[in-house]
Amino acid sequence: MARIAGVNIPTEKRVEIGLTYIHGIGRNLSRHICDKAGIPLDRRVHQLTDDEVIRIRELIDSDYSVEGDLRRNTAMNIKRLMDLGCYRGLRHRKGLPVRGQRTHTNARTRKGKARPIAGKKKAV
């Protein structure tokens, strides 16, 4: 099992798909990494040599922000917005949608499970 950026890559998957298990790497970026490392896209992870795994690992470490660093950076950006007290920061603080979506209905992913209001009756 290949371990890249602290993530175990599934061995039976193609390298292109396996790299997407790393936070911060999608399909497009994984293709670019394979091209730079000189690895065919149809190769499986268990077919990689140690040299190829090391090449991928060094390429990701040097050129891309992934996993813990990326998560920390994102969290710091959100914390900065909250500390500034700007509109987006206030929305993050209240747990509401940040990018202008409606909240009268919908927005359940952000707001959480609906809570009943005491004394309010359903309209017939």
PDB file of N, CA and C in Angstrom:
ATOM      1  N   MET A   1       0.843  -1.190   0.000  1.00  0.00           N
ATOM      2  CA  MET A   1       0.000   0.000   0.000  1.00  0.00           C
ATOM      3  C   MET A   1       0.880   1.243   0.000  1.00  0.00           C
ATOM      4  N   ALA A   2       0.657   2.117  -0.971  1.00  0.00           N
ATOM      5  CA  ALA A   2       1.437   3.353  -1.070  1.00  0.00           C
ATOM      6  C   ALA A   2       0.912   4.371  -0.065  1.00  0.00           C
ATOM      7  N   ARG A   3       1.833   5.042   0.606  1.00  0.00           N
ATOM      8  CA  ARG A   3       1.463   6.087   1.565  1.00  0.00           C
ATOM      9  C   ARG A   3       2.054   7.403   1.084  1.00  0.00           C
ATOM     10  N   ILE A   4       1.182   8.307   0.674  1.00  0.00           N
ATOM     11  CA  ILE A   4       1.614   9.596   0.144  1.00  0.00           C
ATOM     12  C   ILE A   4       0.915  10.694   0.926  1.00  0.00           C
ATOM     13  N   ALA A   5       1.666  11.662   1.398  1.00  0.00           N
ATOM     14  CA  ALA A   5       1.142  12.809   2.167  1.00  0.00           C
ATOM     15  C   ALA A   5       0.329  12.352   3.375  1.00  0.00           C
ATOM     16  N   GLY A   6       0.744  11.240   3.994  1.00  0.00           N
ATOM     17  CA  GLY A   6       0.068  10.742   5.189  1.00  0.00           C
ATOM     18  C   GLY A   6      -1.236  10.030   4.917  1.00  0.00           C
ATOM     19  N   VAL A   7      -1.502   9.677   3.658  1.00  0.00           N
ATOM     20  CA  VAL A   7      -2.754   9.003   3.293  1.00  0.00           C
ATOM     21  C   VAL A   7      -2.411   7.668   2.625  1.00  0.00           C
ATOM     22  N   ASN A   8      -3.089   6.605   3.053  1.00  0.00           N
ATOM     23  CA  ASN A   8      -2.922   5.315   2.394  1.00  0.00           C
ATOM     24  C   ASN A   8      -3.728   5.308   1.110  1.00  0.00           C
ATOM     25  N   ILE A   9      -3.050   5.110  -0.014  1.00  0.00           N
ATOM     26  CA  ILE A   9      -3.703   5.086  -1.316  1.00  0.00           C
ATOM     27  C   ILE A   9      -4.173   3.660  -1.591  1.00  0.00           C
ATOM     28  N   PRO A  10      -5.446   3.449  -1.988  1.00  0.00           N
ATOM     29  CA  PRO A  10      -5.935   2.094  -2.283  1.00  0.00           C
ATOM     30  C   PRO A  10      -5.119   1.452  -3.401  1.00  0.00           C
ATOM     31  N   THR A  11      -4.748   0.199  -3.218  1.00  0.00           N
ATOM     32  CA  THR A  11      -3.807  -0.446  -4.136  1.00  0.00           C
ATOM     33  C   THR A  11      -4.427  -0.896  -5.442  1.00  0.00           C
ATOM     34  N   GLU A  12      -5.699  -1.246  -5.457  1.00  0.00           N
ATOM     35  CA  GLU A  12      -6.306  -1.794  -6.673  1.00  0.00           C
ATOM     36  C   GLU A  12      -6.797  -0.721  -7.641  1.00  0.00           C
ATOM     37  N   LYS A  13      -6.810   0.522  -7.221  1.00  0.00           N
ATOM     38  CA  LYS A  13      -7.303   1.594  -8.090  1.00  0.00           C
ATOM     39  C   LYS A  13      -6.185   2.101  -8.996  1.00  0.00           C
ATOM     40  N   ARG A  14      -6.589   2.794 -10.069  1.00  0.00           N
ATOM     41  CA  ARG A  14      -5.602   3.427 -10.935  1.00  0.00           C
ATOM     42  C   ARG A  14      -4.968   4.589 -10.188  1.00  0.00           C
ATOM     43  N   VAL A  15      -3.754   4.928 -10.570  1.00  0.00           N
ATOM     44  CA  VAL A  15      -3.018   5.993  -9.876  1.00  0.00           C
ATOM     45  C   VAL A  15      -3.788   7.303  -9.952  1.00  0.00           C
ATOM     46  N   GLU A  16      -4.360   7.585 -11.109  1.00  0.00           N
ATOM     47  CA  GLU A  16      -5.121   8.821 -11.309  1.00  0.00           C
ATOM     48  C   GLU A  16      -6.246   8.953 -10.288  1.00  0.00           C
ATOM     49  N   ILE A  17      -6.942   7.866 -10.011  1.00  0.00           N
ATOM     50  CA  ILE A  17      -8.058   7.873  -9.054  1.00  0.00           C
ATOM     51  C   ILE A  17      -7.536   7.804  -7.624  1.00  0.00           C
ATOM     52  N   GLY A  18      -6.507   7.011  -7.389  1.00  0.00           N
ATOM     53  CA  GLY A  18      -5.960   6.841  -6.043  1.00  0.00           C
ATOM     54  C   GLY A  18      -5.449   8.135  -5.441  1.00  0.00           C
ATOM     55  N   LEU A  19      -4.859   8.983  -6.269  1.00  0.00           N
ATOM     56  CA  LEU A  19      -4.323  10.248  -5.752  1.00  0.00           C
ATOM     57  C   LEU A  19      -5.426  11.178  -5.263  1.00  0.00           C
ATOM     58  N   THR A  20      -6.650  10.992  -5.764  1.00  0.00           N
ATOM     59  CA  THR A  20      -7.746  11.869  -5.337  1.00  0.00           C
ATOM     60  C   THR A  20      -8.177  11.603  -3.894  1.00  0.00           C
ATOM     61  N   TYR A  21      -7.667  10.525  -3.275  1.00  0.00           N
ATOM     62  CA  TYR A  21      -7.956  10.263  -1.869  1.00  0.00           C
ATOM     63  C   TYR A  21      -7.212  11.233  -0.955  1.00  0.00           C
ATOM     64  N   ILE A  22      -6.260  11.969  -1.516  1.00  0.00           N
ATOM     65  CA  ILE A  22      -5.526  12.980  -0.756  1.00  0.00           C
ATOM     66  C   ILE A  22      -6.329  14.274  -0.801  1.00  0.00           C
ATOM     67  N   HIS A  23      -6.577  14.869   0.358  1.00  0.00           N
ATOM     68  CA  HIS A  23      -7.346  16.108   0.439  1.00  0.00           C
ATOM     69  C   HIS A  23      -6.589  17.215  -0.292  1.00  0.00           C
ATOM     70  N   GLY A  24      -7.246  17.836  -1.261  1.00  0.00           N
ATOM     71  CA  GLY A  24      -6.628  18.910  -2.018  1.00  0.00           C
ATOM     72  C   GLY A  24      -6.189  18.486  -3.404  1.00  0.00           C
ATOM     73  N   ILE A  25      -6.353  17.197  -3.739  1.00  0.00           N
ATOM     74  CA  ILE A  25      -6.006  16.722  -5.075  1.00  0.00           C
ATOM     75  C   ILE A  25      -7.256  16.126  -5.707  1.00  0.00           C
ATOM     76  N   GLY A  26      -7.648  16.691  -6.853  1.00  0.00           N
ATOM     77  CA  GLY A  26      -8.793  16.185  -7.601  1.00  0.00           C
ATOM     78  C   GLY A  26      -8.316  15.457  -8.844  1.00  0.00           C
ATOM     79  N   ARG A  27      -9.260  15.145  -9.729  1.00  0.00           N
ATOM     80  CA  ARG A  27      -8.927  14.388 -10.928  1.00  0.00           C
ATOM     81  C   ARG A  27      -7.949  15.149 -11.830  1.00  0.00           C
ATOM     82  N   ASN A  28      -8.224  16.428 -12.041  1.00  0.00           N
ATOM     83  CA  ASN A  28      -7.394  17.226 -12.937  1.00  0.00           C
ATOM     84  C   ASN A  28      -5.963  17.335 -12.411  1.00  0.00           C
ATOM     85  N   LEU A  29      -5.823  17.630 -11.130  1.00  0.00           N
ATOM     86  CA  LEU A  29      -4.502  17.777 -10.525  1.00  0.00           C
ATOM     87  C   LEU A  29      -3.760  16.445 -10.509  1.00  0.00           C
ATOM     88  N   SER A  30      -4.485  15.347 -10.288  1.00  0.00           N
ATOM     89  CA  SER A  30      -3.828  14.036 -10.274  1.00  0.00           C
ATOM     90  C   SER A  30      -3.285  13.695 -11.658  1.00  0.00           C
ATOM     91  N   ARG A  31      -4.002  14.092 -12.707  1.00  0.00           N
ATOM     92  CA  ARG A  31      -3.500  13.875 -14.069  1.00  0.00           C
ATOM     93  C   ARG A  31      -2.211  14.663 -14.298  1.00  0.00           C
ATOM     94  N   HIS A  32      -2.185  15.923 -13.831  1.00  0.00           N
ATOM     95  CA  HIS A  32      -0.983  16.748 -13.989  1.00  0.00           C
ATOM     96  C   HIS A  32       0.208  16.130 -13.246  1.00  0.00           C
ATOM     97  N   ILE A  33      -0.057  15.621 -12.040  1.00  0.00           N
ATOM     98  CA  ILE A  33       1.003  15.006 -11.245  1.00  0.00           C
ATOM     99  C   ILE A  33       1.550  13.767 -11.957  1.00  0.00           C
ATOM    100  N   CYS A  34       0.659  12.940 -12.505  1.00  0.00           N
ATOM    101  CA  CYS A  34       1.088  11.738 -13.232  1.00  0.00           C
ATOM    102  C   CYS A  34       1.908  12.117 -14.461  1.00  0.00           C
ATOM    103  N   ASP A  35       1.489  13.162 -15.168  1.00  0.00           N
ATOM    104  CA  ASP A  35       2.235  13.605 -16.344  1.00  0.00           C
ATOM    105  C   ASP A  35       3.638  14.087 -15.959  1.00  0.00           C
ATOM    106  N   LYS A  36       3.721  14.905 -14.897  1.00  0.00           N
ATOM    107  CA  LYS A  36       5.017  15.419 -14.456  1.00  0.00           C
ATOM    108  C   LYS A  36       5.938  14.301 -13.982  1.00  0.00           C
ATOM    109  N   ALA A  37       5.358  13.309 -13.302  1.00  0.00           N
ATOM    110  CA  ALA A  37       6.155  12.201 -12.768  1.00  0.00           C
ATOM    111  C   ALA A  37       6.464  11.159 -13.840  1.00  0.00           C
ATOM    112  N   GLY A  38       5.809  11.268 -14.994  1.00  0.00           N
ATOM    113  CA  GLY A  38       6.054  10.326 -16.081  1.00  0.00           C
ATOM    114  C   GLY A  38       5.430   8.961 -15.848  1.00  0.00           C
ATOM    115  N   ILE A  39       4.246   8.948 -15.247  1.00  0.00           N
ATOM    116  CA  ILE A  39       3.546   7.692 -14.955  1.00  0.00           C
ATOM    117  C   ILE A  39       2.302   7.608 -15.824  1.00  0.00           C
ATOM    118  N   PRO A  40       2.102   6.478 -16.533  1.00  0.00           N
ATOM    119  CA  PRO A  40       0.898   6.334 -17.352  1.00  0.00           C
ATOM    120  C   PRO A  40      -0.363   6.334 -16.483  1.00  0.00           C
ATOM    121  N   LEU A  41      -1.436   6.937 -16.978  1.00  0.00           N
ATOM    122  CA  LEU A  41      -2.669   7.079 -16.194  1.00  0.00           C
ATOM    123  C   LEU A  41      -3.346   5.739 -15.923  1.00  0.00           C
ATOM    124  N   ASP A  42      -3.129   4.744 -16.795  1.00  0.00           N
ATOM    125  CA  ASP A  42      -3.830   3.466 -16.611  1.00  0.00           C
ATOM    126  C   ASP A  42      -3.095   2.516 -15.665  1.00  0.00           C
ATOM    127  N   ARG A  43      -1.943   2.918 -15.138  1.00  0.00           N
ATOM    128  CA  ARG A  43      -1.197   2.076 -14.201  1.00  0.00           C
ATOM    129  C   ARG A  43      -1.922   2.005 -12.868  1.00  0.00           C
ATOM    130  N   ARG A  44      -1.917   0.830 -12.254  1.00  0.00           N
ATOM    131  CA  ARG A  44      -2.534   0.638 -10.931  1.00  0.00           C
ATOM    132  C   ARG A  44      -1.523   0.997  -9.838  1.00  0.00           C
ATOM    133  N   VAL A  45      -2.028   1.319  -8.661  1.00  0.00           N
ATOM    134  CA  VAL A  45      -1.163   1.751  -7.564  1.00  0.00           C
ATOM    135  C   VAL A  45      -0.213   0.624  -7.155  1.00  0.00           C
ATOM    136  N   HIS A  46      -0.699  -0.620  -7.118  1.00  0.00           N
ATOM    137  CA  HIS A  46       0.169  -1.721  -6.679  1.00  0.00           C
ATOM    138  C   HIS A  46       1.249  -2.047  -7.710  1.00  0.00           C
ATOM    139  N   GLN A  47       1.127  -1.506  -8.932  1.00  0.00           N
ATOM    140  CA  GLN A  47       2.133  -1.728  -9.968  1.00  0.00           C
ATOM    141  C   GLN A  47       3.253  -0.692  -9.924  1.00  0.00           C
ATOM    142  N   LEU A  48       3.096   0.343  -9.094  1.00  0.00           N
ATOM    143  CA  LEU A  48       4.110   1.393  -9.008  1.00  0.00           C
ATOM    144  C   LEU A  48       5.378   0.871  -8.345  1.00  0.00           C
ATOM    145  N   THR A  49       6.518   1.305  -8.864  1.00  0.00           N
ATOM    146  CA  THR A  49       7.779   0.960  -8.215  1.00  0.00           C
ATOM    147  C   THR A  49       8.031   1.944  -7.075  1.00  0.00           C
ATOM    148  N   ASP A  50       8.981   1.598  -6.206  1.00  0.00           N
ATOM    149  CA  ASP A  50       9.310   2.487  -5.090  1.00  0.00           C
ATOM    150  C   ASP A  50       9.813   3.831  -5.595  1.00  0.00           C
ATOM    151  N   ASP A  51      10.559   3.804  -6.688  1.00  0.00           N
ATOM    152  CA  ASP A  51      11.094   5.036  -7.273  1.00  0.00           C
ATOM    153  C   ASP A  51       9.959   5.954  -7.730  1.00  0.00           C
ATOM    154  N   GLU A  52       8.927   5.381  -8.357  1.00  0.00           N
ATOM    155  CA  GLU A  52       7.794   6.185  -8.839  1.00  0.00           C
ATOM    156  C   GLU A  52       7.001   6.775  -7.681  1.00  0.00           C
ATOM    157  N   VAL A  53       6.824   5.990  -6.620  1.00  0.00           N
ATOM    158  CA  VAL A  53       6.100   6.490  -5.436  1.00  0.00           C
ATOM    159  C   VAL A  53       6.869   7.656  -4.815  1.00  0.00           C
ATOM    160  N   ILE A  54       8.186   7.522  -4.751  1.00  0.00           N
ATOM    161  CA  ILE A  54       9.013   8.594  -4.186  1.00  0.00           C
ATOM    162  C   ILE A  54       8.921   9.844  -5.061  1.00  0.00           C
ATOM    163  N   ARG A  55       8.931   9.653  -6.389  1.00  0.00           N
ATOM    164  CA  ARG A  55       8.811  10.791  -7.313  1.00  0.00           C
ATOM    165  C   ARG A  55       7.495  11.531  -7.092  1.00  0.00           C
ATOM    166  N   ILE A  56       6.392  10.768  -6.969  1.00  0.00           N
ATOM    167  CA  ILE A  56       5.070  11.379  -6.733  1.00  0.00           C
ATOM    168  C   ILE A  56       5.076  12.124  -5.400  1.00  0.00           C
ATOM    169  N   ARG A  57       5.602  11.480  -4.369  1.00  0.00           N
ATOM    170  CA  ARG A  57       5.618  12.067  -3.027  1.00  0.00           C
ATOM    171  C   ARG A  57       6.395  13.384  -3.009  1.00  0.00           C
ATOM    172  N   GLU A  58       7.568  13.397  -3.627  1.00  0.00           N
ATOM    173  CA  GLU A  58       8.389  14.615  -3.657  1.00  0.00           C
ATOM    174  C   GLU A  58       7.725  15.719  -4.466  1.00  0.00           C
ATOM    175  N   LEU A  59       7.072  15.334  -5.576  1.00  0.00           N
ATOM    176  CA  LEU A  59       6.396  16.307  -6.421  1.00  0.00           C
ATOM    177  C   LEU A  59       5.253  16.982  -5.662  1.00  0.00           C
ATOM    178  N   ILE A  60       4.479  16.190  -4.943  1.00  0.00           N
ATOM    179  CA  ILE A  60       3.346  16.736  -4.175  1.00  0.00           C
ATOM    180  C   ILE A  60       3.862  17.612  -3.035  1.00  0.00           C
ATOM    181  N   ASP A  61       4.897  17.151  -2.324  1.00  0.00           N
ATOM    182  CA  ASP A  61       5.436  17.923  -1.199  1.00  0.00           C
ATOM    183  C   ASP A  61       5.987  19.270  -1.640  1.00  0.00           C
ATOM    184  N   SER A  62       6.637  19.300  -2.807  1.00  0.00           N
ATOM    185  CA  SER A  62       7.296  20.536  -3.234  1.00  0.00           C
ATOM    186  C   SER A  62       6.341  21.535  -3.886  1.00  0.00           C
ATOM    187  N   ASP A  63       5.355  21.045  -4.651  1.00  0.00           N
ATOM    188  CA  ASP A  63       4.556  21.952  -5.480  1.00  0.00           C
ATOM    189  C   ASP A  63       3.157  22.256  -4.964  1.00  0.00           C
ATOM    190  N   TYR A  64       2.582  21.399  -4.113  1.00  0.00           N
ATOM    191  CA  TYR A  64       1.168  21.548  -3.767  1.00  0.00           C
ATOM    192  C   TYR A  64       0.951  21.589  -2.263  1.00  0.00           C
ATOM    193  N   SER A  65      -0.081  22.324  -1.870  1.00  0.00           N
ATOM    194  CA  SER A  65      -0.502  22.364  -0.474  1.00  0.00           C
ATOM    195  C   SER A  65      -1.635  21.360  -0.309  1.00  0.00           C
ATOM    196  N   VAL A  66      -1.404  20.309   0.471  1.00  0.00           N
ATOM    197  CA  VAL A  66      -2.399  19.243   0.628  1.00  0.00           C
ATOM    198  C   VAL A  66      -2.564  18.862   2.097  1.00  0.00           C
ATOM    199  N   GLU A  67      -3.615  18.093   2.360  1.00  0.00           N
ATOM    200  CA  GLU A  67      -3.927  17.531   3.676  1.00  0.00           C
ATOM    201  C   GLU A  67      -3.886  18.560   4.797  1.00  0.00           C
ATOM    202  N   GLY A  68      -3.059  18.355   5.831  1.00  0.00           N
ATOM    203  CA  GLY A  68      -3.071  19.177   7.035  1.00  0.00           C
ATOM    204  C   GLY A  68      -2.799  20.642   6.782  1.00  0.00           C
ATOM    205  N   ASP A  69      -1.828  20.931   5.911  1.00  0.00           N
ATOM    206  CA  ASP A  69      -1.494  22.327   5.609  1.00  0.00           C
ATOM    207  C   ASP A  69      -2.672  23.041   4.960  1.00  0.00           C
ATOM    208  N   LEU A  70      -3.323  22.361   4.027  1.00  0.00           N
ATOM    209  CA  LEU A  70      -4.465  22.950   3.322  1.00  0.00           C
ATOM    210  C   LEU A  70      -5.638  23.172   4.282  1.00  0.00           C
ATOM    211  N   ARG A  71      -5.917  22.173   5.120  1.00  0.00           N
ATOM    212  CA  ARG A  71      -7.010  22.313   6.103  1.00  0.00           C
ATOM    213  C   ARG A  71      -6.723  23.456   7.073  1.00  0.00           C
ATOM    214  N   ARG A  72      -5.481  23.540   7.531  1.00  0.00           N
ATOM    215  CA  ARG A  72      -5.096  24.604   8.467  1.00  0.00           C
ATOM    216  C   ARG A  72      -5.226  25.970   7.808  1.00  0.00           C
ATOM    217  N   ASN A  73      -4.800  26.065   6.552  1.00  0.00           N
ATOM    218  CA  ASN A  73      -4.875  27.319   5.819  1.00  0.00           C
ATOM    219  C   ASN A  73      -6.331  27.764   5.647  1.00  0.00           C
ATOM    220  N   THR A  74      -7.205  26.824   5.284  1.00  0.00           N
ATOM    221  CA  THR A  74      -8.626  27.128   5.119  1.00  0.00           C
ATOM    222  C   THR A  74      -9.243  27.585   6.444  1.00  0.00           C
ATOM    223  N   ALA A  75      -8.912  26.865   7.530  1.00  0.00           N
ATOM    224  CA  ALA A  75      -9.439  27.228   8.851  1.00  0.00           C
ATOM    225  C   ALA A  75      -8.962  28.614   9.275  1.00  0.00           C
ATOM    226  N   MET A  76      -7.714  28.930   8.971  1.00  0.00           N
ATOM    227  CA  MET A  76      -7.170  30.247   9.325  1.00  0.00           C
ATOM    228  C   MET A  76      -7.856  31.352   8.527  1.00  0.00           C
ATOM    229  N   ASN A  77      -8.152  31.092   7.244  1.00  0.00           N
ATOM    230  CA  ASN A  77      -8.854  32.084   6.430  1.00  0.00           C
ATOM    231  C   ASN A  77     -10.244  32.362   6.992  1.00  0.00           C
ATOM    232  N   ILE A  78     -10.955  31.308   7.408  1.00  0.00           N
ATOM    233  CA  ILE A  78     -12.293  31.480   7.980  1.00  0.00           C
ATOM    234  C   ILE A  78     -12.202  32.217   9.314  1.00  0.00           C
ATOM    235  N   LYS A  79     -11.204  31.853  10.130  1.00  0.00           N
ATOM    236  CA  LYS A  79     -11.022  32.521  11.425  1.00  0.00           C
ATOM    237  C   LYS A  79     -10.723  34.009  11.236  1.00  0.00           C
ATOM    238  N   ARG A  80      -9.918  34.331  10.205  1.00  0.00           N
ATOM    239  CA  ARG A  80      -9.597  35.731   9.903  1.00  0.00           C
ATOM    240  C   ARG A  80     -10.861  36.510   9.563  1.00  0.00           C
ATOM    241  N   LEU A  81     -11.733  35.914   8.739  1.00  0.00           N
ATOM    242  CA  LEU A  81     -12.991  36.578   8.389  1.00  0.00           C
ATOM    243  C   LEU A  81     -13.850  36.805   9.630  1.00  0.00           C
ATOM    244  N   MET A  82     -13.875  35.807  10.518  1.00  0.00           N
ATOM    245  CA  MET A  82     -14.686  35.939  11.731  1.00  0.00           C
ATOM    246  C   MET A  82     -14.120  37.024  12.651  1.00  0.00           C
ATOM    247  N   ASP A  83     -12.796  37.095  12.748  1.00  0.00           N
ATOM    248  CA  ASP A  83     -12.176  38.106  13.610  1.00  0.00           C
ATOM    249  C   ASP A  83     -12.381  39.518  13.072  1.00  0.00           C
ATOM    250  N   LEU A  84     -12.382  39.646  11.732  1.00  0.00           N
ATOM    251  CA  LEU A  84     -12.617  40.955  11.123  1.00  0.00           C
ATOM    252  C   LEU A  84     -14.029  41.451  11.396  1.00  0.00           C
ATOM    253  N   GLY A  85     -14.960  40.518  11.526  1.00  0.00           N
ATOM    254  CA  GLY A  85     -16.352  40.894  11.730  1.00  0.00           C
ATOM    255  C   GLY A  85     -17.033  41.315  10.450  1.00  0.00           C
ATOM    256  N   CYS A  86     -16.493  40.897   9.301  1.00  0.00           N
ATOM    257  CA  CYS A  86     -17.128  41.228   8.037  1.00  0.00           C
ATOM    258  C   CYS A  86     -18.371  40.352   7.848  1.00  0.00           C
ATOM    259  N   TYR A  87     -19.132  40.653   6.818  1.00  0.00           N
ATOM    260  CA  TYR A  87     -20.397  39.943   6.592  1.00  0.00           C
ATOM    261  C   TYR A  87     -20.179  38.442   6.485  1.00  0.00           C
ATOM    262  N   ARG A  88     -19.207  38.024   5.686  1.00  0.00           N
ATOM    263  CA  ARG A  88     -18.936  36.592   5.531  1.00  0.00           C
ATOM    264  C   ARG A  88     -18.521  35.969   6.857  1.00  0.00           C
ATOM    265  N   GLY A  89     -17.746  36.698   7.645  1.00  0.00           N
ATOM    266  CA  GLY A  89     -17.328  36.199   8.950  1.00  0.00           C
ATOM    267  C   GLY A  89     -18.492  36.016   9.897  1.00  0.00           C
ATOM    268  N   LEU A  90     -19.440  36.964   9.868  1.00  0.00           N
ATOM    269  CA  LEU A  90     -20.624  36.855  10.718  1.00  0.00           C
ATOM    270  C   LEU A  90     -21.470  35.656  10.318  1.00  0.00           C
ATOM    271  N   ARG A  91     -21.593  35.398   9.017  1.00  0.00           N
ATOM    272  CA  ARG A  91     -22.356  34.241   8.529  1.00  0.00           C
ATOM    273  C   ARG A  91     -21.695  32.934   8.982  1.00  0.00           C
ATOM    274  N   HIS A  92     -20.364  32.892   8.934  1.00  0.00           N
ATOM    275  CA  HIS A  92     -19.652  31.713   9.425  1.00  0.00           C
ATOM    276  C   HIS A  92     -19.906  31.528  10.915  1.00  0.00           C
ATOM    277  N   ARG A  93     -19.844  32.626  11.658  1.00  0.00           N
ATOM    278  CA  ARG A  93     -20.019  32.573  13.106  1.00  0.00           C
ATOM    279  C   ARG A  93     -21.403  32.059  13.484  1.00  0.00           C
ATOM    280  N   LYS A  94     -22.435  32.498  12.727  1.00  0.00           N
ATOM    281  CA  LYS A  94     -23.810  32.092  13.014  1.00  0.00           C
ATOM    282  C   LYS A  94     -24.164  30.730  12.436  1.00  0.00           C
ATOM    283  N   GLY A  95     -23.287  30.178  11.587  1.00  0.00           N
ATOM    284  CA  GLY A  95     -23.561  28.877  10.984  1.00  0.00           C
ATOM    285  C   GLY A  95     -24.597  28.949   9.881  1.00  0.00           C
ATOM    286  N   LEU A  96     -24.637  30.068   9.165  1.00  0.00           N
ATOM    287  CA  LEU A  96     -25.586  30.248   8.066  1.00  0.00           C
ATOM    288  C   LEU A  96     -24.842  30.195   6.734  1.00  0.00           C
ATOM    289  N   PRO A  97     -25.554  30.048   5.612  1.00  0.00           N
ATOM    290  CA  PRO A  97     -24.881  30.032   4.310  1.00  0.00           C
ATOM    291  C   PRO A  97     -24.126  31.338   4.067  1.00  0.00           C
ATOM    292  N   VAL A  98     -22.956  31.234   3.480  1.00  0.00           N
ATOM    293  CA  VAL A  98     -22.059  32.375   3.350  1.00  0.00           C
ATOM    294  C   VAL A  98     -22.201  33.050   1.992  1.00  0.00           C
ATOM    295  N   ARG A  99     -22.605  32.303   0.974  1.00  0.00           N
ATOM    296  CA  ARG A  99     -22.519  32.813  -0.394  1.00  0.00           C
ATOM    297  C   ARG A  99     -23.854  33.257  -0.981  1.00  0.00           C
ATOM    298  N   GLY A 100     -24.709  33.837  -0.166  1.00  0.00           N
ATOM    299  CA  GLY A 100     -25.900  34.491  -0.692  1.00  0.00           C
ATOM    300  C   GLY A 100     -27.094  33.596  -0.944  1.00  0.00           C
ATOM    301  N   GLN A 101     -27.071  32.338  -0.472  1.00  0.00           N
ATOM    302  CA  GLN A 101     -28.218  31.467  -0.702  1.00  0.00           C
ATOM    303  C   GLN A 101     -29.389  31.884   0.180  1.00  0.00           C
ATOM    304  N   ARG A 102     -30.591  31.483  -0.220  1.00  0.00           N
ATOM    305  CA  ARG A 102     -31.769  31.814   0.572  1.00  0.00           C
ATOM    306  C   ARG A 102     -31.807  30.953   1.831  1.00  0.00           C
ATOM    307  N   THR A 103     -32.399  31.510   2.892  1.00  0.00           N
ATOM    308  CA  THR A 103     -32.479  30.758   4.147  1.00  0.00           C
ATOM    309  C   THR A 103     -33.901  30.637   4.665  1.00  0.00           C
ATOM    310  N   HIS A 104     -34.867  31.266   4.008  1.00  0.00           N
ATOM    311  CA  HIS A 104     -36.262  31.161   4.459  1.00  0.00           C
ATOM    312  C   HIS A 104     -36.685  29.700   4.430  1.00  0.00           C
ATOM    313  N   THR A 105     -36.451  29.059   3.302  1.00  0.00           N
ATOM    314  CA  THR A 105     -36.572  27.606   3.241  1.00  0.00           C
ATOM    315  C   THR A 105     -35.189  27.108   2.833  1.00  0.00           C
ATOM    316  N   ASN A 106     -34.991  25.836   2.824  1.00  0.00           N
ATOM    317  CA  ASN A 106     -33.691  25.243   2.452  1.00  0.00           C
ATOM    318  C   ASN A 106     -32.600  25.610   3.456  1.00  0.00           C
ATOM    319  N   ALA A 107     -31.368  25.532   3.077  1.00  0.00           N
ATOM    320  CA  ALA A 107     -30.193  25.813   3.918  1.00  0.00           C
ATOM    321  C   ALA A 107     -30.084  24.862   5.103  1.00  0.00           C
ATOM    322  N   ARG A 108     -30.683  23.673   4.999  1.00  0.00           N
ATOM    323  CA  ARG A 108     -30.662  22.726   6.116  1.00  0.00           C
ATOM    324  C   ARG A 108     -29.279  22.142   6.371  1.00  0.00           C
ATOM    325  N   THR A 109     -28.467  22.046   5.348  1.00  0.00           N
ATOM    326  CA  THR A 109     -27.120  21.511   5.548  1.00  0.00           C
ATOM    327  C   THR A 109     -26.344  22.418   6.495  1.00  0.00           C
ATOM    328  N   ARG A 110     -26.472  23.704   6.313  1.00  0.00           N
ATOM    329  CA  ARG A 110     -25.736  24.669   7.112  1.00  0.00           C
ATOM    330  C   ARG A 110     -26.404  24.911   8.479  1.00  0.00           C
ATOM    331  N   LYS A 111     -27.754  24.986   8.488  1.00  0.00           N
ATOM    332  CA  LYS A 111     -28.474  25.345   9.708  1.00  0.00           C
ATOM    333  C   LYS A 111     -28.702  24.164  10.638  1.00  0.00           C
ATOM    334  N   GLY A 112     -28.649  22.945  10.097  1.00  0.00           N
ATOM    335  CA  GLY A 112     -28.895  21.768  10.923  1.00  0.00           C
ATOM    336  C   GLY A 112     -30.357  21.361  10.876  1.00  0.00           C
ATOM    337  N   LYS A 113     -30.698  20.357  11.675  1.00  0.00           N
ATOM    338  CA  LYS A 113     -32.059  19.815  11.668  1.00  0.00           C
ATOM    339  C   LYS A 113     -33.053  20.880  12.127  1.00  0.00           C
ATOM    340  N   ALA A 114     -34.222  20.894  11.496  1.00  0.00           N
ATOM    341  CA  ALA A 114     -35.259  21.883  11.827  1.00  0.00           C
ATOM    342  C   ALA A 114     -35.742  21.667  13.256  1.00  0.00           C
ATOM    343  N   ARG A 115     -35.870  22.761  14.003  1.00  0.00           N
ATOM    344  CA  ARG A 115     -36.350  22.695  15.382  1.00  0.00           C
ATOM    345  C   ARG A 115     -37.748  23.298  15.440  1.00  0.00           C
ATOM    346  N   PRO A 116     -38.675  22.647  16.126  1.00  0.00           N
ATOM    347  CA  PRO A 116     -40.033  23.187  16.199  1.00  0.00           C
ATOM    348  C   PRO A 116     -40.074  24.452  17.070  1.00  0.00           C
ATOM    349  N   ILE A 117     -40.980  25.344  16.713  1.00  0.00           N
ATOM    350  CA  ILE A 117     -41.162  26.586  17.464  1.00  0.00           C
ATOM    351  C   ILE A 117     -42.418  26.430  18.305  1.00  0.00           C
ATOM    352  N   ALA A 118     -42.322  26.693  19.610  1.00  0.00           N
ATOM    353  CA  ALA A 118     -43.468  26.508  20.511  1.00  0.00           C
ATOM    354  C   ALA A 118     -44.563  27.491  20.180  1.00  0.00           C
ATOM    355  N   GLY A 119     -45.809  27.004  20.099  1.00  0.00           N
ATOM    356  CA  GLY A 119     -46.963  27.860  19.866  1.00  0.00           C
ATOM    357  C   GLY A 119     -47.255  28.136  18.410  1.00  0.00           C
ATOM    358  N   LYS A 120     -46.407  27.715  17.510  1.00  0.00           N
ATOM    359  CA  LYS A 120     -46.659  27.960  16.088  1.00  0.00           C
ATOM    360  C   LYS A 120     -47.433  26.773  15.507  1.00  0.00           C
ATOM    361  N   LYS A 121     -48.551  27.079  14.838  1.00  0.00           N
ATOM    362  CA  LYS A 121     -49.368  26.021  14.259  1.00  0.00           C
ATOM    363  C   LYS A 121     -49.133  25.963  12.768  1.00  0.00           C
ATOM    364  N   LYS A 122     -49.270  24.770  12.227  1.00  0.00           N
ATOM    365  CA  LYS A 122     -49.100  24.591  10.766  1.00  0.00           C
ATOM    366  C   LYS A 122     -50.259  25.240  10.051  1.00  0.00           C
ATOM    367  N   ALA A 123     -49.969  25.903   8.924  1.00  0.00           N
ATOM    368  CA  ALA A 123     -51.003  26.505   8.100  1.00  0.00           C
ATOM    369  C   ALA A 123     -51.746  25.404   7.348  1.00  0.00           C
ATOM    370  N   VAL A 124     -53.058  25.522   7.303  1.00  0.00           N
ATOM    371  CA  VAL A 124     -53.852  24.478   6.648  1.00  0.00           C
ATOM    372  C   VAL A 124     -54.158  24.820   5.223  1.00  0.00           C
TER     373      VAL A 124
END
